[in-house]
PDB file of all heavy atoms in Angstrom:
ATOM      1  N   LEU A   1      89.301  26.288  15.534  1.00  0.00           N
ATOM      2  CA  LEU A   1      88.811  27.028  16.712  1.00  0.00           C
ATOM      3  C   LEU A   1      87.547  26.276  17.294  1.00  0.00           C
ATOM      4  O   LEU A   1      86.702  25.980  16.587  1.00  0.00           O
ATOM      5  CB  LEU A   1      88.398  28.461  16.335  1.00  0.00           C
ATOM      6  CG  LEU A   1      87.706  29.253  17.386  1.00  0.00           C
ATOM      7  CD1 LEU A   1      88.584  29.521  18.599  1.00  0.00           C
ATOM      8  CD2 LEU A   1      87.188  30.612  16.782  1.00  0.00           C
ATOM      9  N   ILE A   2      87.657  26.027  18.564  1.00  0.00           N
ATOM     10  CA  ILE A   2      86.488  25.294  19.237  1.00  0.00           C
ATOM     11  C   ILE A   2      85.438  26.350  19.561  1.00  0.00           C
ATOM     12  O   ILE A   2      85.621  27.250  20.347  1.00  0.00           O
ATOM     13  CB  ILE A   2      86.963  24.616  20.528  1.00  0.00           C
ATOM     14  CG1 ILE A   2      88.006  23.490  20.234  1.00  0.00           C
ATOM     15  CG2 ILE A   2      85.790  23.986  21.276  1.00  0.00           C
ATOM     16  CD1 ILE A   2      88.586  22.851  21.468  1.00  0.00           C
ATOM     17  N   SER A   3      84.289  26.140  18.866  1.00  0.00           N
ATOM     18  CA  SER A   3      83.133  27.089  19.125  1.00  0.00           C
ATOM     19  C   SER A   3      82.224  26.521  20.145  1.00  0.00           C
ATOM     20  O   SER A   3      81.436  27.282  20.653  1.00  0.00           O
ATOM     21  CB  SER A   3      82.448  27.330  17.854  1.00  0.00           C
ATOM     22  OG  SER A   3      81.947  26.039  17.332  1.00  0.00           O
ATOM     23  N   ASP A   4      82.290  25.210  20.432  1.00  0.00           N
ATOM     24  CA  ASP A   4      81.454  24.662  21.510  1.00  0.00           C
ATOM     25  C   ASP A   4      82.053  23.332  21.891  1.00  0.00           C
ATOM     26  O   ASP A   4      82.710  22.650  21.101  1.00  0.00           O
ATOM     27  CB  ASP A   4      80.054  24.537  21.043  1.00  0.00           C
ATOM     28  CG  ASP A   4      78.997  24.408  22.204  1.00  0.00           C
ATOM     29  OD1 ASP A   4      79.512  24.460  23.415  1.00  0.00           O
ATOM     30  OD2 ASP A   4      77.878  24.274  22.011  1.00  0.00           O
ATOM     31  N   VAL A   5      81.826  22.902  23.102  1.00  0.00           N
ATOM     32  CA  VAL A   5      82.275  21.594  23.626  1.00  0.00           C
ATOM     33  C   VAL A   5      81.064  20.833  24.141  1.00  0.00           C
ATOM     34  O   VAL A   5      80.251  21.348  24.871  1.00  0.00           O
ATOM     35  CB  VAL A   5      83.294  21.786  24.757  1.00  0.00           C
ATOM     36  CG1 VAL A   5      83.768  20.452  25.331  1.00  0.00           C
ATOM     37  CG2 VAL A   5      84.482  22.601  24.341  1.00  0.00           C
ATOM     38  N   VAL A   6      80.889  19.617  23.681  1.00  0.00           N
ATOM     39  CA  VAL A   6      79.787  18.757  24.055  1.00  0.00           C
ATOM     40  C   VAL A   6      79.947  18.421  25.486  1.00  0.00           C
ATOM     41  O   VAL A   6      80.973  17.933  25.917  1.00  0.00           O
ATOM     42  CB  VAL A   6      79.778  17.478  23.196  1.00  0.00           C
ATOM     43  CG1 VAL A   6      78.560  16.605  23.687  1.00  0.00           C
ATOM     44  CG2 VAL A   6      79.552  17.844  21.732  1.00  0.00           C
ATOM     45  N   GLU A   7      78.873  18.695  26.268  1.00  0.00           N
ATOM     46  CA  GLU A   7      78.977  18.406  27.699  1.00  0.00           C
ATOM     47  C   GLU A   7      79.164  16.887  27.963  1.00  0.00           C
ATOM     48  O   GLU A   7      78.496  16.008  27.338  1.00  0.00           O
ATOM     49  CB  GLU A   7      77.594  18.806  28.383  1.00  0.00           C
ATOM     50  CG  GLU A   7      77.629  18.731  29.889  1.00  0.00           C
ATOM     51  CD  GLU A   7      76.311  19.269  30.493  1.00  0.00           C
ATOM     52  OE1 GLU A   7      75.495  19.741  29.711  1.00  0.00           O
ATOM     53  OE2 GLU A   7      76.227  19.095  31.817  1.00  0.00           O
ATOM     54  N   ASP A   8      80.103  16.630  28.867  1.00  0.00           N
ATOM     55  CA  ASP A   8      80.491  15.181  29.226  1.00  0.00           C
ATOM     56  C   ASP A   8      81.097  14.489  28.052  1.00  0.00           C
ATOM     57  O   ASP A   8      81.235  13.243  28.170  1.00  0.00           O
ATOM     58  CB  ASP A   8      79.294  14.465  29.837  1.00  0.00           C
ATOM     59  CG  ASP A   8      78.837  15.008  31.147  1.00  0.00           C
ATOM     60  OD1 ASP A   8      79.778  15.486  31.868  1.00  0.00           O
ATOM     61  OD2 ASP A   8      77.623  15.019  31.442  1.00  0.00           O
ATOM     62  N   GLY A   9      81.430  15.082  26.976  1.00  0.00           N
ATOM     63  CA  GLY A   9      82.159  14.436  25.923  1.00  0.00           C
ATOM     64  C   GLY A   9      83.621  14.243  26.167  1.00  0.00           C
ATOM     65  O   GLY A   9      84.104  14.769  27.198  1.00  0.00           O
ATOM     66  N   PRO A  10      84.349  13.615  25.288  1.00  0.00           N
ATOM     67  CA  PRO A  10      85.751  13.370  25.539  1.00  0.00           C
ATOM     68  C   PRO A  10      86.546  14.659  25.791  1.00  0.00           C
ATOM     69  O   PRO A  10      87.375  14.712  26.618  1.00  0.00           O
ATOM     70  CB  PRO A  10      86.220  12.679  24.272  1.00  0.00           C
ATOM     71  CG  PRO A  10      85.001  12.009  23.740  1.00  0.00           C
ATOM     72  CD  PRO A  10      83.859  12.892  24.124  1.00  0.00           C
ATOM     73  N   ALA A  11      86.324  15.672  24.915  1.00  0.00           N
ATOM     74  CA  ALA A  11      87.072  16.905  25.098  1.00  0.00           C
ATOM     75  C   ALA A  11      86.717  17.667  26.391  1.00  0.00           C
ATOM     76  O   ALA A  11      87.651  18.198  27.091  1.00  0.00           O
ATOM     77  CB  ALA A  11      86.781  17.824  23.931  1.00  0.00           C
ATOM     78  N   ASP A  12      85.432  17.593  26.813  1.00  0.00           N
ATOM     79  CA  ASP A  12      84.997  18.297  27.996  1.00  0.00           C
ATOM     80  C   ASP A  12      85.685  17.548  29.229  1.00  0.00           C
ATOM     81  O   ASP A  12      86.132  18.265  30.114  1.00  0.00           O
ATOM     82  CB  ASP A  12      83.481  18.149  28.081  1.00  0.00           C
ATOM     83  CG  ASP A  12      82.924  18.914  29.270  1.00  0.00           C
ATOM     84  OD1 ASP A  12      83.530  19.929  29.670  1.00  0.00           O
ATOM     85  OD2 ASP A  12      81.942  18.408  29.849  1.00  0.00           O
ATOM     86  N   LYS A  13      85.701  16.251  29.189  1.00  0.00           N
ATOM     87  CA  LYS A  13      86.342  15.527  30.330  1.00  0.00           C
ATOM     88  C   LYS A  13      87.818  15.793  30.377  1.00  0.00           C
ATOM     89  O   LYS A  13      88.373  15.739  31.507  1.00  0.00           O
ATOM     90  CB  LYS A  13      86.034  14.033  30.186  1.00  0.00           C
ATOM     91  CG  LYS A  13      84.585  13.663  30.283  1.00  0.00           C
ATOM     92  CD  LYS A  13      84.338  12.155  30.080  1.00  0.00           C
ATOM     93  CE  LYS A  13      82.904  11.763  30.242  1.00  0.00           C
ATOM     94  NZ  LYS A  13      82.639  10.343  30.005  1.00  0.00           N
ATOM     95  N   ALA A  14      88.447  16.076  29.299  1.00  0.00           N
ATOM     96  CA  ALA A  14      89.889  16.269  29.310  1.00  0.00           C
ATOM     97  C   ALA A  14      90.254  17.691  29.670  1.00  0.00           C
ATOM     98  O   ALA A  14      91.421  17.998  29.918  1.00  0.00           O
ATOM     99  CB  ALA A  14      90.463  15.934  27.882  1.00  0.00           C
ATOM    100  N   GLY A  15      89.291  18.579  29.586  1.00  0.00           N
ATOM    101  CA  GLY A  15      89.546  19.997  29.972  1.00  0.00           C
ATOM    102  C   GLY A  15      89.533  21.007  28.793  1.00  0.00           C
ATOM    103  O   GLY A  15      89.982  22.184  29.081  1.00  0.00           O
ATOM    104  N   LEU A  16      89.276  20.582  27.672  1.00  0.00           N
ATOM    105  CA  LEU A  16      89.229  21.609  26.541  1.00  0.00           C
ATOM    106  C   LEU A  16      88.065  22.511  26.690  1.00  0.00           C
ATOM    107  O   LEU A  16      86.966  22.143  27.253  1.00  0.00           O
ATOM    108  CB  LEU A  16      89.147  20.889  25.137  1.00  0.00           C
ATOM    109  CG  LEU A  16      90.543  20.449  24.552  1.00  0.00           C
ATOM    110  CD1 LEU A  16      91.142  19.278  25.384  1.00  0.00           C
ATOM    111  CD2 LEU A  16      90.360  19.974  23.177  1.00  0.00           C
ATOM    112  N   ARG A  17      88.196  23.769  26.250  1.00  0.00           N
ATOM    113  CA  ARG A  17      87.161  24.755  26.442  1.00  0.00           C
ATOM    114  C   ARG A  17      86.844  25.421  25.088  1.00  0.00           C
ATOM    115  O   ARG A  17      87.636  25.468  24.127  1.00  0.00           O
ATOM    116  CB  ARG A  17      87.629  25.862  27.379  1.00  0.00           C
ATOM    117  CG  ARG A  17      88.016  25.337  28.720  1.00  0.00           C
ATOM    118  CD  ARG A  17      88.595  26.523  29.478  1.00  0.00           C
ATOM    119  NE  ARG A  17      89.226  26.138  30.802  1.00  0.00           N
ATOM    120  CZ  ARG A  17      89.954  26.977  31.598  1.00  0.00           C
ATOM    121  NH1 ARG A  17      90.125  28.270  31.182  1.00  0.00           N
ATOM    122  NH2 ARG A  17      90.459  26.523  32.680  1.00  0.00           N
ATOM    123  N   ARG A  18      85.696  26.127  25.046  1.00  0.00           N
ATOM    124  CA  ARG A  18      85.304  26.996  23.949  1.00  0.00           C
ATOM    125  C   ARG A  18      86.368  28.052  23.859  1.00  0.00           C
ATOM    126  O   ARG A  18      86.688  28.717  24.881  1.00  0.00           O
ATOM    127  CB  ARG A  18      83.913  27.532  24.203  1.00  0.00           C
ATOM    128  CG  ARG A  18      83.444  28.457  23.010  1.00  0.00           C
ATOM    129  CD  ARG A  18      82.178  29.226  23.357  1.00  0.00           C
ATOM    130  NE  ARG A  18      81.082  28.323  23.459  1.00  0.00           N
ATOM    131  CZ  ARG A  18      80.372  28.133  24.535  1.00  0.00           C
ATOM    132  NH1 ARG A  18      80.688  28.742  25.657  1.00  0.00           N
ATOM    133  NH2 ARG A  18      79.310  27.324  24.582  1.00  0.00           N
ATOM    134  N   GLY A  19      86.820  28.393  22.649  1.00  0.00           N
ATOM    135  CA  GLY A  19      87.826  29.423  22.489  1.00  0.00           C
ATOM    136  C   GLY A  19      89.214  28.880  22.331  1.00  0.00           C
ATOM    137  O   GLY A  19      90.148  29.606  21.889  1.00  0.00           O
ATOM    138  N   ASP A  20      89.477  27.592  22.745  1.00  0.00           N
ATOM    139  CA  ASP A  20      90.745  27.000  22.423  1.00  0.00           C
ATOM    140  C   ASP A  20      90.855  26.744  20.920  1.00  0.00           C
ATOM    141  O   ASP A  20      89.927  26.458  20.190  1.00  0.00           O
ATOM    142  CB  ASP A  20      90.810  25.562  23.140  1.00  0.00           C
ATOM    143  CG  ASP A  20      90.996  25.739  24.646  1.00  0.00           C
ATOM    144  OD1 ASP A  20      91.288  26.818  25.150  1.00  0.00           O
ATOM    145  OD2 ASP A  20      90.721  24.671  25.336  1.00  0.00           O
ATOM    146  N   ILE A  21      92.137  26.872  20.524  1.00  0.00           N
ATOM    147  CA  ILE A  21      92.441  26.620  19.068  1.00  0.00           C
ATOM    148  C   ILE A  21      93.313  25.372  18.971  1.00  0.00           C
ATOM    149  O   ILE A  21      94.502  25.345  19.512  1.00  0.00           O
ATOM    150  CB  ILE A  21      93.155  27.782  18.474  1.00  0.00           C
ATOM    151  CG1 ILE A  21      92.266  29.095  18.509  1.00  0.00           C
ATOM    152  CG2 ILE A  21      93.542  27.537  16.998  1.00  0.00           C
ATOM    153  CD1 ILE A  21      93.019  30.366  18.008  1.00  0.00           C
ATOM    154  N   ILE A  22      92.822  24.370  18.383  1.00  0.00           N
ATOM    155  CA  ILE A  22      93.543  23.094  18.270  1.00  0.00           C
ATOM    156  C   ILE A  22      94.590  23.183  17.174  1.00  0.00           C
ATOM    157  O   ILE A  22      94.255  23.508  16.033  1.00  0.00           O
ATOM    158  CB  ILE A  22      92.596  21.902  17.978  1.00  0.00           C
ATOM    159  CG1 ILE A  22      91.619  21.782  19.175  1.00  0.00           C
ATOM    160  CG2 ILE A  22      93.390  20.634  17.807  1.00  0.00           C
ATOM    161  CD1 ILE A  22      90.533  20.675  18.918  1.00  0.00           C
ATOM    162  N   VAL A  23      95.859  23.087  17.439  1.00  0.00           N
ATOM    163  CA  VAL A  23      96.928  23.243  16.514  1.00  0.00           C
ATOM    164  C   VAL A  23      97.662  21.967  16.364  1.00  0.00           C
ATOM    165  O   VAL A  23      98.464  21.865  15.352  1.00  0.00           O
ATOM    166  CB  VAL A  23      97.919  24.359  16.928  1.00  0.00           C
ATOM    167  CG1 VAL A  23      97.265  25.689  16.898  1.00  0.00           C
ATOM    168  CG2 VAL A  23      98.550  24.039  18.340  1.00  0.00           C
ATOM    169  N   GLU A  24      97.426  20.994  17.132  1.00  0.00           N
ATOM    170  CA  GLU A  24      98.114  19.702  16.954  1.00  0.00           C
ATOM    171  C   GLU A  24      97.205  18.541  17.609  1.00  0.00           C
ATOM    172  O   GLU A  24      96.644  18.793  18.666  1.00  0.00           O
ATOM    173  CB  GLU A  24      99.412  19.707  17.642  1.00  0.00           C
ATOM    174  CG  GLU A  24     100.364  18.547  17.288  1.00  0.00           C
ATOM    175  CD  GLU A  24     101.784  18.732  17.905  1.00  0.00           C
ATOM    176  OE1 GLU A  24     102.428  19.851  17.653  1.00  0.00           O
ATOM    177  OE2 GLU A  24     102.243  17.876  18.631  1.00  0.00           O
ATOM    178  N   PHE A  25      97.114  17.456  16.844  1.00  0.00           N
ATOM    179  CA  PHE A  25      96.348  16.334  17.291  1.00  0.00           C
ATOM    180  C   PHE A  25      97.217  15.027  17.067  1.00  0.00           C
ATOM    181  O   PHE A  25      97.480  14.672  15.968  1.00  0.00           O
ATOM    182  CB  PHE A  25      95.008  16.214  16.579  1.00  0.00           C
ATOM    183  CG  PHE A  25      94.054  15.133  17.008  1.00  0.00           C
ATOM    184  CD1 PHE A  25      93.139  15.424  17.940  1.00  0.00           C
ATOM    185  CD2 PHE A  25      94.202  13.865  16.521  1.00  0.00           C
ATOM    186  CE1 PHE A  25      92.300  14.393  18.402  1.00  0.00           C
ATOM    187  CE2 PHE A  25      93.343  12.846  16.890  1.00  0.00           C
ATOM    188  CZ  PHE A  25      92.398  13.043  17.884  1.00  0.00           C
ATOM    189  N   ASP A  26      97.488  14.422  18.185  1.00  0.00           N
ATOM    190  CA  ASP A  26      98.268  13.156  18.201  1.00  0.00           C
ATOM    191  C   ASP A  26      99.508  13.255  17.322  1.00  0.00           C
ATOM    192  O   ASP A  26      99.889  12.392  16.547  1.00  0.00           O
ATOM    193  CB  ASP A  26      97.404  11.992  17.683  1.00  0.00           C
ATOM    194  CG  ASP A  26      97.973  10.660  17.967  1.00  0.00           C
ATOM    195  OD1 ASP A  26      98.757  10.507  18.961  1.00  0.00           O
ATOM    196  OD2 ASP A  26      97.667   9.708  17.252  1.00  0.00           O
ATOM    197  N   GLY A  27     100.224  14.391  17.459  1.00  0.00           N
ATOM    198  CA  GLY A  27     101.485  14.583  16.776  1.00  0.00           C
ATOM    199  C   GLY A  27     101.369  15.153  15.442  1.00  0.00           C
ATOM    200  O   GLY A  27     102.378  15.461  14.767  1.00  0.00           O
ATOM    201  N   GLN A  28     100.157  15.385  14.870  1.00  0.00           N
ATOM    202  CA  GLN A  28      99.910  15.884  13.543  1.00  0.00           C
ATOM    203  C   GLN A  28      99.507  17.406  13.623  1.00  0.00           C
ATOM    204  O   GLN A  28      98.530  17.687  14.373  1.00  0.00           O
ATOM    205  CB  GLN A  28      98.856  15.095  12.770  1.00  0.00           C
ATOM    206  CG  GLN A  28      99.191  13.618  12.611  1.00  0.00           C
ATOM    207  CD  GLN A  28      98.210  12.860  11.837  1.00  0.00           C
ATOM    208  OE1 GLN A  28      97.986  13.138  10.665  1.00  0.00           O
ATOM    209  NE2 GLN A  28      97.522  11.873  12.399  1.00  0.00           N
ATOM    210  N   ALA A  29     100.187  18.195  12.915  1.00  0.00           N
ATOM    211  CA  ALA A  29      99.805  19.639  12.872  1.00  0.00           C
ATOM    212  C   ALA A  29      98.568  19.821  12.216  1.00  0.00           C
ATOM    213  O   ALA A  29      98.187  19.245  11.227  1.00  0.00           O
ATOM    214  CB  ALA A  29     100.943  20.387  12.171  1.00  0.00           C
ATOM    215  N   ILE A  30      97.676  20.656  12.844  1.00  0.00           N
ATOM    216  CA  ILE A  30      96.403  21.148  12.278  1.00  0.00           C
ATOM    217  C   ILE A  30      96.481  22.521  11.788  1.00  0.00           C
ATOM    218  O   ILE A  30      96.521  23.486  12.496  1.00  0.00           O
ATOM    219  CB  ILE A  30      95.286  21.034  13.314  1.00  0.00           C
ATOM    220  CG1 ILE A  30      95.248  19.623  13.946  1.00  0.00           C
ATOM    221  CG2 ILE A  30      93.945  21.402  12.681  1.00  0.00           C
ATOM    222  CD1 ILE A  30      94.934  18.499  13.001  1.00  0.00           C
TER     223      ILE A  30
END
């Protein structure tokens, strides 16, 4: 669970938000 996103960081620039739940990263299940 994303509790915070670093401003102007990679996730922020890609559109990820606080409250998103990451379930897969580069094809690998989380």
